[in-house]
Amino acid sequence: MKTKLLLVLSLLSILMIVALAQSAEKVSLAANSSINTTWCNDTDTGLNNNSLNFFLQGKTSSNLYPRGIWDTCGISNGKLLLREYYCVGNSLSLMSKDCSSLGSFSCLNGACINITIPRFCNDTDAINYTSWGVVYSQLYPQGKQDYCQNYSEKQYVFEGYCRGNDYGAFQKNCLEVGLNFTCRNGACRRWE
């Protein structure tokens, strides 16, 4: 009898611990409100630095959300809104922002993005497996370099190119370019 009672009490204790842990992760936060926490950190600035960054998706963590909450886009009253989480001191806050109020912006992947930027693409080496190049595009405005990758003892070059005004890439086994070719520095080169 005593063993059964201990087993039941242990099981109840475990269930209570699990329920408390789950409830801590399910704390909800209404739009344009705050909750006090013991610590708060925001990766895209937050009001601790006196400004909100609506143009970068951030992740806000606190003792209530130790794994963090990403800024997201959501629909409210038929409008697409940015749900911007941020810190004010140690308080975790949420603001709903209509990105279109900033001009020609819309919410995408947890950030306000300019929807009037023209698409572009420029490849410095065209499609040339034996030459290292860089592709500049809307997706990679700072450039995406051709690079090498090894798979199953084969060496491949990932050759970037422009597919219209968008970035694309080919994967090419350097041995298909020629005998004694290997991938070095983002290009298929003759093995010497």
N, C-alpha and C. Protein backbone atom coordinates (compact mmCIF):
# COMPACT_ATOMS: atom_id res chain seq x y z
N MET A 1 0.82 -1.19 0.00
CA MET A 1 0.00 0.00 0.00
C MET A 1 0.87 1.27 0.00
N LYS A 2 1.90 1.24 0.84
CA LYS A 2 2.80 2.38 0.94
C LYS A 2 3.54 2.60 -0.40
N THR A 3 3.91 1.51 -1.08
CA THR A 3 4.60 1.59 -2.36
C THR A 3 3.70 2.21 -3.42
N LYS A 4 2.43 1.79 -3.44
CA LYS A 4 1.48 2.34 -4.41
C LYS A 4 1.27 3.84 -4.17
N LEU A 5 1.17 4.24 -2.91
CA LEU A 5 0.98 5.64 -2.57
C LEU A 5 2.18 6.47 -3.04
N LEU A 6 3.41 5.97 -2.80
CA LEU A 6 4.61 6.67 -3.25
C LEU A 6 4.64 6.77 -4.77
N LEU A 7 4.25 5.70 -5.45
CA LEU A 7 4.23 5.70 -6.91
C LEU A 7 3.23 6.73 -7.44
N VAL A 8 2.05 6.79 -6.85
CA VAL A 8 1.02 7.74 -7.27
C VAL A 8 1.49 9.17 -7.02
N LEU A 9 2.09 9.43 -5.83
CA LEU A 9 2.59 10.77 -5.52
C LEU A 9 3.72 11.17 -6.47
N SER A 10 4.59 10.25 -6.79
CA SER A 10 5.69 10.54 -7.73
C SER A 10 5.13 10.88 -9.10
N LEU A 11 4.16 10.10 -9.54
CA LEU A 11 3.55 10.34 -10.85
C LEU A 11 2.85 11.69 -10.88
N LEU A 12 2.14 12.04 -9.83
CA LEU A 12 1.47 13.34 -9.75
C LEU A 12 2.50 14.48 -9.76
N SER A 13 3.61 14.30 -9.07
CA SER A 13 4.66 15.33 -9.05
C SER A 13 5.23 15.55 -10.45
N ILE A 14 5.47 14.47 -11.15
CA ILE A 14 6.00 14.57 -12.51
C ILE A 14 5.01 15.29 -13.42
N LEU A 15 3.73 14.94 -13.33
CA LEU A 15 2.70 15.59 -14.15
C LEU A 15 2.61 17.08 -13.84
N MET A 16 2.74 17.47 -12.57
CA MET A 16 2.69 18.89 -12.20
C MET A 16 3.89 19.64 -12.77
N ILE A 17 5.07 19.04 -12.73
CA ILE A 17 6.27 19.67 -13.27
C ILE A 17 6.12 19.88 -14.77
N VAL A 18 5.62 18.86 -15.48
CA VAL A 18 5.41 18.97 -16.93
C VAL A 18 4.40 20.05 -17.24
N ALA A 19 3.31 20.11 -16.48
CA ALA A 19 2.27 21.12 -16.71
C ALA A 19 2.82 22.53 -16.48
N LEU A 20 3.62 22.72 -15.44
CA LEU A 20 4.21 24.03 -15.18
C LEU A 20 5.17 24.43 -16.28
N ALA A 21 5.98 23.49 -16.76
CA ALA A 21 6.92 23.80 -17.84
C ALA A 21 6.19 24.18 -19.11
N GLN A 22 5.11 23.47 -19.42
CA GLN A 22 4.35 23.78 -20.63
C GLN A 22 3.64 25.12 -20.51
N SER A 23 3.13 25.44 -19.34
CA SER A 23 2.42 26.70 -19.19
C SER A 23 3.36 27.89 -19.32
N ALA A 24 4.62 27.73 -18.92
CA ALA A 24 5.58 28.82 -19.06
C ALA A 24 5.83 29.13 -20.52
N GLU A 25 5.81 28.14 -21.40
CA GLU A 25 6.04 28.35 -22.83
C GLU A 25 4.79 28.88 -23.52
N LYS A 26 3.62 28.78 -22.89
CA LYS A 26 2.38 29.19 -23.53
C LYS A 26 1.89 30.55 -23.06
N VAL A 27 2.77 31.35 -22.45
CA VAL A 27 2.38 32.68 -22.03
C VAL A 27 2.02 33.47 -23.28
N SER A 28 0.85 34.05 -23.29
CA SER A 28 0.44 34.80 -24.49
C SER A 28 0.62 36.29 -24.25
N LEU A 29 0.81 36.98 -25.34
CA LEU A 29 1.03 38.41 -25.27
C LEU A 29 0.14 39.07 -26.31
N ALA A 30 -0.72 39.95 -25.87
CA ALA A 30 -1.63 40.64 -26.79
C ALA A 30 -0.88 41.74 -27.53
N ALA A 31 -1.37 42.08 -28.70
CA ALA A 31 -0.76 43.14 -29.50
C ALA A 31 -0.72 44.44 -28.72
N ASN A 32 0.36 45.19 -28.90
CA ASN A 32 0.56 46.49 -28.26
C ASN A 32 0.47 46.40 -26.74
N SER A 33 1.11 45.36 -26.17
CA SER A 33 1.14 45.19 -24.73
C SER A 33 2.51 44.70 -24.30
N SER A 34 2.72 44.63 -22.97
CA SER A 34 4.00 44.20 -22.40
C SER A 34 3.74 43.30 -21.21
N ILE A 35 4.75 42.45 -20.90
CA ILE A 35 4.73 41.67 -19.67
C ILE A 35 6.10 41.80 -19.02
N ASN A 36 6.11 41.86 -17.71
CA ASN A 36 7.38 41.97 -16.98
C ASN A 36 8.08 40.63 -16.96
N THR A 37 9.39 40.66 -17.18
CA THR A 37 10.22 39.46 -17.14
C THR A 37 11.47 39.80 -16.31
N THR A 38 12.24 38.78 -15.96
CA THR A 38 13.46 39.05 -15.19
C THR A 38 14.61 39.44 -16.09
N TRP A 39 14.55 39.05 -17.38
CA TRP A 39 15.55 39.49 -18.37
C TRP A 39 14.91 39.45 -19.74
N CYS A 40 15.47 40.23 -20.67
CA CYS A 40 14.93 40.32 -22.02
C CYS A 40 16.06 40.68 -22.99
N ASN A 41 16.07 40.03 -24.15
CA ASN A 41 17.09 40.28 -25.17
C ASN A 41 16.43 40.25 -26.55
N ASP A 42 16.73 41.24 -27.38
CA ASP A 42 16.15 41.35 -28.72
C ASP A 42 17.28 41.46 -29.73
N THR A 43 17.29 40.60 -30.76
CA THR A 43 18.39 40.59 -31.73
C THR A 43 18.30 41.70 -32.76
N ASP A 44 17.13 42.33 -32.92
CA ASP A 44 17.03 43.42 -33.89
C ASP A 44 16.76 44.75 -33.19
N THR A 45 17.52 45.04 -32.18
CA THR A 45 17.62 46.29 -31.44
C THR A 45 16.62 46.40 -30.30
N GLY A 46 15.36 46.68 -30.57
CA GLY A 46 14.41 46.90 -29.48
C GLY A 46 14.54 48.30 -28.92
N LEU A 47 13.67 48.66 -28.02
CA LEU A 47 13.65 50.02 -27.49
C LEU A 47 14.75 50.28 -26.48
N ASN A 48 15.53 49.25 -26.09
CA ASN A 48 16.68 49.51 -25.22
C ASN A 48 17.65 50.46 -25.90
N ASN A 49 17.69 50.42 -27.24
CA ASN A 49 18.53 51.33 -28.01
C ASN A 49 17.69 52.43 -28.66
N ASN A 50 16.52 52.68 -28.10
CA ASN A 50 15.63 53.79 -28.50
C ASN A 50 15.09 53.71 -29.92
N SER A 51 15.07 52.54 -30.54
CA SER A 51 14.45 52.44 -31.86
C SER A 51 14.02 50.99 -32.11
N LEU A 52 13.00 50.84 -32.92
CA LEU A 52 12.57 49.52 -33.35
C LEU A 52 13.06 49.32 -34.77
N ASN A 53 13.46 48.13 -35.09
CA ASN A 53 13.90 47.83 -36.45
C ASN A 53 12.85 46.96 -37.12
N PHE A 54 11.97 47.59 -37.88
CA PHE A 54 10.91 46.86 -38.57
C PHE A 54 11.44 46.18 -39.83
N PHE A 55 12.65 46.51 -40.26
CA PHE A 55 13.17 46.06 -41.54
C PHE A 55 14.06 44.82 -41.43
N LEU A 56 14.17 44.25 -40.24
CA LEU A 56 14.98 43.06 -39.99
C LEU A 56 14.21 42.13 -39.08
N GLN A 57 14.11 40.86 -39.45
CA GLN A 57 13.44 39.91 -38.56
C GLN A 57 14.33 39.65 -37.35
N GLY A 58 13.78 39.81 -36.18
CA GLY A 58 14.53 39.59 -34.95
C GLY A 58 13.96 38.47 -34.13
N LYS A 59 14.71 38.08 -33.14
CA LYS A 59 14.30 37.04 -32.19
C LYS A 59 14.44 37.62 -30.79
N THR A 60 13.35 37.61 -30.03
CA THR A 60 13.35 38.17 -28.70
C THR A 60 13.22 37.04 -27.69
N SER A 61 14.13 37.03 -26.71
CA SER A 61 14.16 35.98 -25.68
C SER A 61 13.95 36.62 -24.32
N SER A 62 13.38 35.84 -23.41
CA SER A 62 13.23 36.28 -22.02
C SER A 62 13.15 35.04 -21.16
N ASN A 63 13.05 35.23 -19.85
CA ASN A 63 12.92 34.06 -18.98
C ASN A 63 11.61 33.31 -19.26
N LEU A 64 10.59 33.99 -19.81
CA LEU A 64 9.34 33.31 -20.17
C LEU A 64 9.44 32.60 -21.51
N TYR A 65 10.31 33.08 -22.38
CA TYR A 65 10.52 32.50 -23.71
C TYR A 65 12.02 32.30 -23.92
N PRO A 66 12.66 31.38 -23.19
CA PRO A 66 14.12 31.24 -23.29
C PRO A 66 14.59 30.83 -24.69
N ARG A 67 13.74 30.13 -25.44
CA ARG A 67 14.12 29.74 -26.81
C ARG A 67 13.87 30.87 -27.81
N GLY A 68 13.17 31.89 -27.37
CA GLY A 68 12.96 33.07 -28.20
C GLY A 68 11.69 33.02 -29.04
N ILE A 69 11.23 34.20 -29.40
CA ILE A 69 10.07 34.38 -30.26
C ILE A 69 10.53 35.19 -31.47
N TRP A 70 10.30 34.67 -32.66
CA TRP A 70 10.67 35.39 -33.89
C TRP A 70 9.60 36.40 -34.24
N ASP A 71 10.02 37.55 -34.76
CA ASP A 71 9.06 38.48 -35.35
C ASP A 71 8.38 37.76 -36.51
N THR A 72 7.08 37.95 -36.67
CA THR A 72 6.32 37.25 -37.70
C THR A 72 5.37 38.20 -38.40
N CYS A 73 4.75 37.70 -39.44
CA CYS A 73 3.68 38.42 -40.14
C CYS A 73 2.38 37.69 -39.84
N GLY A 74 1.31 38.43 -39.68
CA GLY A 74 0.01 37.82 -39.42
C GLY A 74 -1.10 38.72 -39.92
N ILE A 75 -2.26 38.15 -40.07
CA ILE A 75 -3.41 38.90 -40.56
C ILE A 75 -4.32 39.22 -39.39
N SER A 76 -4.69 40.49 -39.29
CA SER A 76 -5.62 40.94 -38.27
C SER A 76 -6.59 41.91 -38.93
N ASN A 77 -7.88 41.66 -38.77
CA ASN A 77 -8.93 42.49 -39.38
C ASN A 77 -8.70 42.68 -40.88
N GLY A 78 -8.26 41.63 -41.55
CA GLY A 78 -8.07 41.66 -43.00
C GLY A 78 -6.80 42.35 -43.46
N LYS A 79 -5.94 42.77 -42.53
CA LYS A 79 -4.69 43.45 -42.90
C LYS A 79 -3.50 42.59 -42.53
N LEU A 80 -2.49 42.59 -43.40
CA LEU A 80 -1.24 41.90 -43.13
C LEU A 80 -0.38 42.80 -42.24
N LEU A 81 -0.05 42.31 -41.04
CA LEU A 81 0.68 43.12 -40.06
C LEU A 81 1.96 42.42 -39.63
N LEU A 82 2.97 43.22 -39.28
CA LEU A 82 4.18 42.72 -38.65
C LEU A 82 3.92 42.61 -37.16
N ARG A 83 4.26 41.46 -36.59
CA ARG A 83 4.20 41.28 -35.14
C ARG A 83 5.64 41.42 -34.64
N GLU A 84 5.99 42.60 -34.18
CA GLU A 84 7.35 42.96 -33.75
C GLU A 84 7.47 42.78 -32.23
N TYR A 85 8.26 41.79 -31.82
CA TYR A 85 8.54 41.58 -30.40
C TYR A 85 9.80 42.39 -30.07
N TYR A 86 9.82 43.00 -28.89
CA TYR A 86 10.96 43.82 -28.50
C TYR A 86 11.02 43.95 -26.99
N CYS A 87 12.12 44.51 -26.50
CA CYS A 87 12.33 44.69 -25.07
C CYS A 87 12.28 46.17 -24.71
N VAL A 88 11.66 46.47 -23.58
CA VAL A 88 11.76 47.79 -22.96
C VAL A 88 12.27 47.51 -21.56
N GLY A 89 13.58 47.70 -21.37
CA GLY A 89 14.18 47.25 -20.12
C GLY A 89 14.06 45.74 -20.04
N ASN A 90 13.46 45.25 -18.96
CA ASN A 90 13.25 43.80 -18.82
C ASN A 90 11.83 43.38 -19.18
N SER A 91 11.06 44.27 -19.78
CA SER A 91 9.70 43.92 -20.19
C SER A 91 9.71 43.43 -21.64
N LEU A 92 9.00 42.35 -21.87
CA LEU A 92 8.81 41.82 -23.22
C LEU A 92 7.56 42.46 -23.79
N SER A 93 7.68 43.05 -24.97
CA SER A 93 6.57 43.80 -25.56
C SER A 93 6.27 43.30 -26.96
N LEU A 94 5.07 43.55 -27.42
CA LEU A 94 4.64 43.20 -28.77
C LEU A 94 3.93 44.39 -29.37
N MET A 95 4.34 44.72 -30.60
CA MET A 95 3.68 45.79 -31.35
C MET A 95 3.24 45.22 -32.69
N SER A 96 2.02 45.50 -33.07
CA SER A 96 1.55 45.17 -34.41
C SER A 96 1.77 46.39 -35.29
N LYS A 97 2.43 46.19 -36.44
CA LYS A 97 2.77 47.31 -37.31
C LYS A 97 2.29 47.02 -38.72
N ASP A 98 1.55 47.95 -39.30
CA ASP A 98 1.15 47.87 -40.69
C ASP A 98 2.31 48.41 -41.52
N CYS A 99 3.04 47.52 -42.20
CA CYS A 99 4.22 47.94 -42.95
C CYS A 99 3.89 48.95 -44.04
N SER A 100 2.68 48.89 -44.59
CA SER A 100 2.32 49.84 -45.65
C SER A 100 2.29 51.27 -45.14
N SER A 101 2.20 51.47 -43.81
CA SER A 101 2.23 52.82 -43.26
C SER A 101 3.63 53.45 -43.38
N LEU A 102 4.63 52.64 -43.73
CA LEU A 102 6.01 53.13 -43.89
C LEU A 102 6.31 53.51 -45.33
N GLY A 103 5.35 53.37 -46.22
CA GLY A 103 5.55 53.65 -47.64
C GLY A 103 5.26 52.40 -48.45
N SER A 104 6.10 52.12 -49.44
CA SER A 104 5.91 50.95 -50.32
C SER A 104 6.50 49.70 -49.68
N PHE A 105 5.98 49.32 -48.52
CA PHE A 105 6.47 48.17 -47.79
C PHE A 105 5.34 47.19 -47.51
N SER A 106 5.72 45.92 -47.37
CA SER A 106 4.79 44.88 -46.98
C SER A 106 5.53 43.94 -46.04
N CYS A 107 4.79 43.15 -45.27
CA CYS A 107 5.41 42.23 -44.32
C CYS A 107 5.74 40.91 -45.02
N LEU A 108 6.98 40.46 -44.85
CA LEU A 108 7.44 39.19 -45.41
C LEU A 108 8.48 38.61 -44.46
N ASN A 109 8.30 37.37 -44.04
CA ASN A 109 9.26 36.68 -43.16
C ASN A 109 9.61 37.50 -41.92
N GLY A 110 8.63 38.11 -41.29
CA GLY A 110 8.85 38.81 -40.04
C GLY A 110 9.55 40.14 -40.15
N ALA A 111 9.48 40.77 -41.32
CA ALA A 111 10.11 42.09 -41.51
C ALA A 111 9.34 42.87 -42.56
N CYS A 112 9.45 44.19 -42.49
CA CYS A 112 8.86 45.05 -43.52
C CYS A 112 9.87 45.15 -44.66
N ILE A 113 9.44 44.77 -45.86
CA ILE A 113 10.34 44.81 -47.02
C ILE A 113 9.80 45.76 -48.07
N ASN A 114 10.71 46.40 -48.79
CA ASN A 114 10.35 47.32 -49.86
C ASN A 114 9.84 46.50 -51.04
N ILE A 115 8.63 46.74 -51.47
CA ILE A 115 8.04 45.94 -52.55
C ILE A 115 8.23 46.59 -53.91
N THR A 116 8.98 47.70 -53.97
CA THR A 116 9.20 48.36 -55.26
C THR A 116 10.63 48.16 -55.78
N ILE A 117 11.46 47.42 -55.06
CA ILE A 117 12.84 47.21 -55.52
C ILE A 117 12.81 46.38 -56.80
N PRO A 118 13.41 46.89 -57.87
CA PRO A 118 13.40 46.12 -59.12
C PRO A 118 14.29 44.88 -59.00
N ARG A 119 13.89 43.83 -59.68
CA ARG A 119 14.68 42.60 -59.68
C ARG A 119 15.87 42.80 -60.61
N PHE A 120 17.00 42.24 -60.21
CA PHE A 120 18.21 42.37 -61.03
C PHE A 120 19.08 41.14 -60.84
N CYS A 121 19.99 40.91 -61.77
CA CYS A 121 20.95 39.82 -61.66
C CYS A 121 22.14 40.12 -62.56
N ASN A 122 23.35 39.90 -62.03
CA ASN A 122 24.57 40.08 -62.79
C ASN A 122 25.56 38.98 -62.38
N ASP A 123 26.09 38.26 -63.36
CA ASP A 123 27.04 37.16 -63.13
C ASP A 123 28.39 37.57 -63.71
N THR A 124 29.44 37.54 -62.90
CA THR A 124 30.76 38.02 -63.34
C THR A 124 31.47 37.06 -64.29
N ASP A 125 31.06 35.77 -64.32
CA ASP A 125 31.76 34.82 -65.20
C ASP A 125 30.80 34.05 -66.11
N ALA A 126 29.58 34.52 -66.26
CA ALA A 126 28.55 33.78 -67.02
C ALA A 126 28.54 32.34 -66.50
N ILE A 127 28.20 31.38 -67.32
CA ILE A 127 28.26 29.97 -66.88
C ILE A 127 29.59 29.43 -67.38
N ASN A 128 30.56 29.44 -66.49
CA ASN A 128 31.91 29.01 -66.83
C ASN A 128 32.44 28.20 -65.66
N TYR A 129 32.49 26.87 -65.82
CA TYR A 129 32.89 25.99 -64.72
C TYR A 129 34.36 26.12 -64.37
N THR A 130 35.18 26.63 -65.27
CA THR A 130 36.63 26.73 -65.02
C THR A 130 37.04 28.11 -64.54
N SER A 131 36.09 28.98 -64.26
CA SER A 131 36.39 30.32 -63.79
C SER A 131 35.56 30.62 -62.55
N TRP A 132 36.19 31.18 -61.54
CA TRP A 132 35.48 31.58 -60.33
C TRP A 132 34.70 32.85 -60.63
N GLY A 133 33.47 32.93 -60.10
CA GLY A 133 32.65 34.11 -60.33
C GLY A 133 31.76 34.42 -59.16
N VAL A 134 31.06 35.54 -59.28
CA VAL A 134 30.12 36.00 -58.26
C VAL A 134 28.84 36.42 -58.96
N VAL A 135 27.71 36.07 -58.38
CA VAL A 135 26.41 36.49 -58.90
C VAL A 135 25.82 37.50 -57.92
N TYR A 136 25.45 38.67 -58.44
CA TYR A 136 24.78 39.70 -57.66
C TYR A 136 23.32 39.72 -58.08
N SER A 137 22.42 39.63 -57.09
CA SER A 137 20.99 39.61 -57.41
C SER A 137 20.22 40.22 -56.26
N GLN A 138 18.90 40.32 -56.43
CA GLN A 138 18.06 40.83 -55.36
C GLN A 138 18.19 39.92 -54.14
N LEU A 139 18.30 38.61 -54.36
CA LEU A 139 18.45 37.65 -53.26
C LEU A 139 19.82 37.79 -52.60
N TYR A 140 20.87 38.06 -53.40
CA TYR A 140 22.24 38.19 -52.90
C TYR A 140 22.84 39.53 -53.35
N PRO A 141 22.39 40.65 -52.77
CA PRO A 141 22.90 41.94 -53.22
C PRO A 141 24.40 42.12 -52.94
N GLN A 142 24.96 41.43 -51.92
CA GLN A 142 26.39 41.50 -51.66
C GLN A 142 27.16 40.46 -52.48
N GLY A 143 26.44 39.63 -53.22
CA GLY A 143 27.07 38.64 -54.09
C GLY A 143 27.11 37.25 -53.48
N LYS A 144 26.92 36.24 -54.32
CA LYS A 144 27.04 34.83 -53.93
C LYS A 144 28.14 34.24 -54.80
N GLN A 145 29.20 33.75 -54.17
CA GLN A 145 30.36 33.24 -54.89
C GLN A 145 30.17 31.80 -55.33
N ASP A 146 30.78 31.44 -56.49
CA ASP A 146 30.87 30.04 -56.87
C ASP A 146 31.70 29.34 -55.80
N TYR A 147 31.36 28.07 -55.51
CA TYR A 147 32.09 27.37 -54.44
C TYR A 147 32.20 25.88 -54.74
N CYS A 148 33.11 25.23 -54.01
CA CYS A 148 33.37 23.79 -54.17
C CYS A 148 32.71 23.01 -53.06
N GLN A 149 32.33 21.77 -53.37
CA GLN A 149 31.74 20.87 -52.38
C GLN A 149 32.15 19.45 -52.73
N ASN A 150 32.54 18.66 -51.74
CA ASN A 150 32.90 17.26 -51.94
C ASN A 150 31.75 16.36 -51.54
N TYR A 151 31.43 15.39 -52.40
CA TYR A 151 30.43 14.36 -52.11
C TYR A 151 30.98 13.03 -52.59
N SER A 152 31.03 12.06 -51.70
CA SER A 152 31.44 10.70 -52.05
C SER A 152 32.71 10.69 -52.91
N GLU A 153 33.72 11.38 -52.45
CA GLU A 153 35.03 11.44 -53.11
C GLU A 153 34.98 12.11 -54.49
N LYS A 154 33.89 12.76 -54.83
CA LYS A 154 33.79 13.53 -56.07
C LYS A 154 33.80 15.00 -55.70
N GLN A 155 34.39 15.80 -56.55
CA GLN A 155 34.45 17.23 -56.28
C GLN A 155 33.56 17.98 -57.27
N TYR A 156 32.66 18.76 -56.71
CA TYR A 156 31.69 19.50 -57.50
C TYR A 156 31.93 20.99 -57.34
N VAL A 157 31.65 21.72 -58.41
CA VAL A 157 31.59 23.17 -58.34
C VAL A 157 30.11 23.55 -58.37
N PHE A 158 29.74 24.50 -57.53
CA PHE A 158 28.41 25.07 -57.57
C PHE A 158 28.56 26.40 -58.29
N GLU A 159 28.14 26.42 -59.53
CA GLU A 159 28.30 27.55 -60.44
C GLU A 159 27.03 28.38 -60.43
N GLY A 160 27.13 29.58 -59.89
CA GLY A 160 26.00 30.49 -59.90
C GLY A 160 25.80 31.10 -61.28
N TYR A 161 24.57 31.43 -61.60
CA TYR A 161 24.27 32.06 -62.89
C TYR A 161 22.97 32.86 -62.75
N CYS A 162 22.68 33.66 -63.74
CA CYS A 162 21.44 34.43 -63.76
C CYS A 162 20.40 33.68 -64.58
N ARG A 163 19.29 33.42 -63.97
CA ARG A 163 18.13 32.81 -64.63
C ARG A 163 17.12 33.94 -64.76
N GLY A 164 17.22 34.65 -65.87
CA GLY A 164 16.44 35.88 -66.01
C GLY A 164 17.00 36.90 -65.03
N ASN A 165 16.17 37.42 -64.15
CA ASN A 165 16.63 38.36 -63.12
C ASN A 165 16.74 37.70 -61.76
N ASP A 166 16.86 36.38 -61.72
CA ASP A 166 16.95 35.64 -60.47
C ASP A 166 18.22 34.82 -60.42
N TYR A 167 18.68 34.53 -59.21
CA TYR A 167 19.86 33.68 -59.00
C TYR A 167 19.49 32.22 -59.24
N GLY A 168 20.38 31.51 -59.87
CA GLY A 168 20.27 30.06 -60.03
C GLY A 168 21.65 29.45 -59.85
N ALA A 169 21.74 28.13 -59.72
CA ALA A 169 23.05 27.48 -59.58
C ALA A 169 23.01 26.09 -60.20
N PHE A 170 24.12 25.73 -60.85
CA PHE A 170 24.33 24.38 -61.36
C PHE A 170 25.34 23.68 -60.47
N GLN A 171 25.14 22.39 -60.29
CA GLN A 171 26.13 21.56 -59.61
C GLN A 171 26.82 20.74 -60.69
N LYS A 172 28.13 20.82 -60.79
CA LYS A 172 28.86 20.14 -61.86
C LYS A 172 30.03 19.36 -61.26
N ASN A 173 30.10 18.05 -61.59
CA ASN A 173 31.22 17.23 -61.20
C ASN A 173 32.41 17.66 -62.04
N CYS A 174 33.52 18.06 -61.42
CA CYS A 174 34.67 18.58 -62.16
C CYS A 174 35.28 17.53 -63.09
N LEU A 175 35.13 16.24 -62.80
CA LEU A 175 35.65 15.21 -63.71
C LEU A 175 34.87 15.19 -65.03
N GLU A 176 33.64 15.75 -65.04
CA GLU A 176 32.88 15.86 -66.28
C GLU A 176 33.39 17.02 -67.15
N VAL A 177 34.10 17.95 -66.55
CA VAL A 177 34.70 19.08 -67.29
C VAL A 177 35.91 18.56 -68.07
N GLY A 178 36.66 17.66 -67.46
CA GLY A 178 37.83 17.09 -68.12
C GLY A 178 38.57 16.17 -67.17
N LEU A 179 39.30 15.23 -67.75
CA LEU A 179 40.12 14.33 -66.95
C LEU A 179 41.15 15.17 -66.19
N ASN A 180 41.47 14.77 -65.00
CA ASN A 180 42.44 15.46 -64.15
C ASN A 180 41.96 16.85 -63.69
N PHE A 181 40.63 17.08 -63.65
CA PHE A 181 40.12 18.33 -63.12
C PHE A 181 39.62 18.10 -61.70
N THR A 182 39.85 19.08 -60.84
CA THR A 182 39.39 19.06 -59.46
C THR A 182 38.84 20.45 -59.13
N CYS A 183 38.08 20.55 -58.08
CA CYS A 183 37.50 21.85 -57.72
C CYS A 183 38.39 22.53 -56.68
N ARG A 184 38.81 23.76 -57.01
CA ARG A 184 39.60 24.59 -56.10
C ARG A 184 39.16 26.04 -56.26
N ASN A 185 38.96 26.69 -55.12
CA ASN A 185 38.62 28.13 -55.13
C ASN A 185 37.42 28.46 -56.02
N GLY A 186 36.39 27.64 -55.96
CA GLY A 186 35.15 27.95 -56.67
C GLY A 186 35.18 27.72 -58.16
N ALA A 187 36.11 26.87 -58.65
CA ALA A 187 36.18 26.59 -60.10
C ALA A 187 36.81 25.22 -60.31
N CYS A 188 36.46 24.59 -61.45
CA CYS A 188 37.10 23.34 -61.83
C CYS A 188 38.45 23.69 -62.46
N ARG A 189 39.51 23.14 -61.90
CA ARG A 189 40.86 23.46 -62.39
C ARG A 189 41.61 22.15 -62.64
N ARG A 190 42.51 22.19 -63.62
CA ARG A 190 43.32 21.03 -63.96
C ARG A 190 44.23 20.70 -62.78
N TRP A 191 44.23 19.42 -62.41
CA TRP A 191 45.08 18.95 -61.31
C TRP A 191 46.53 18.98 -61.76
N GLU A 192 47.39 19.60 -61.00
CA GLU A 192 48.81 19.70 -61.39
C GLU A 192 49.67 19.00 -60.38
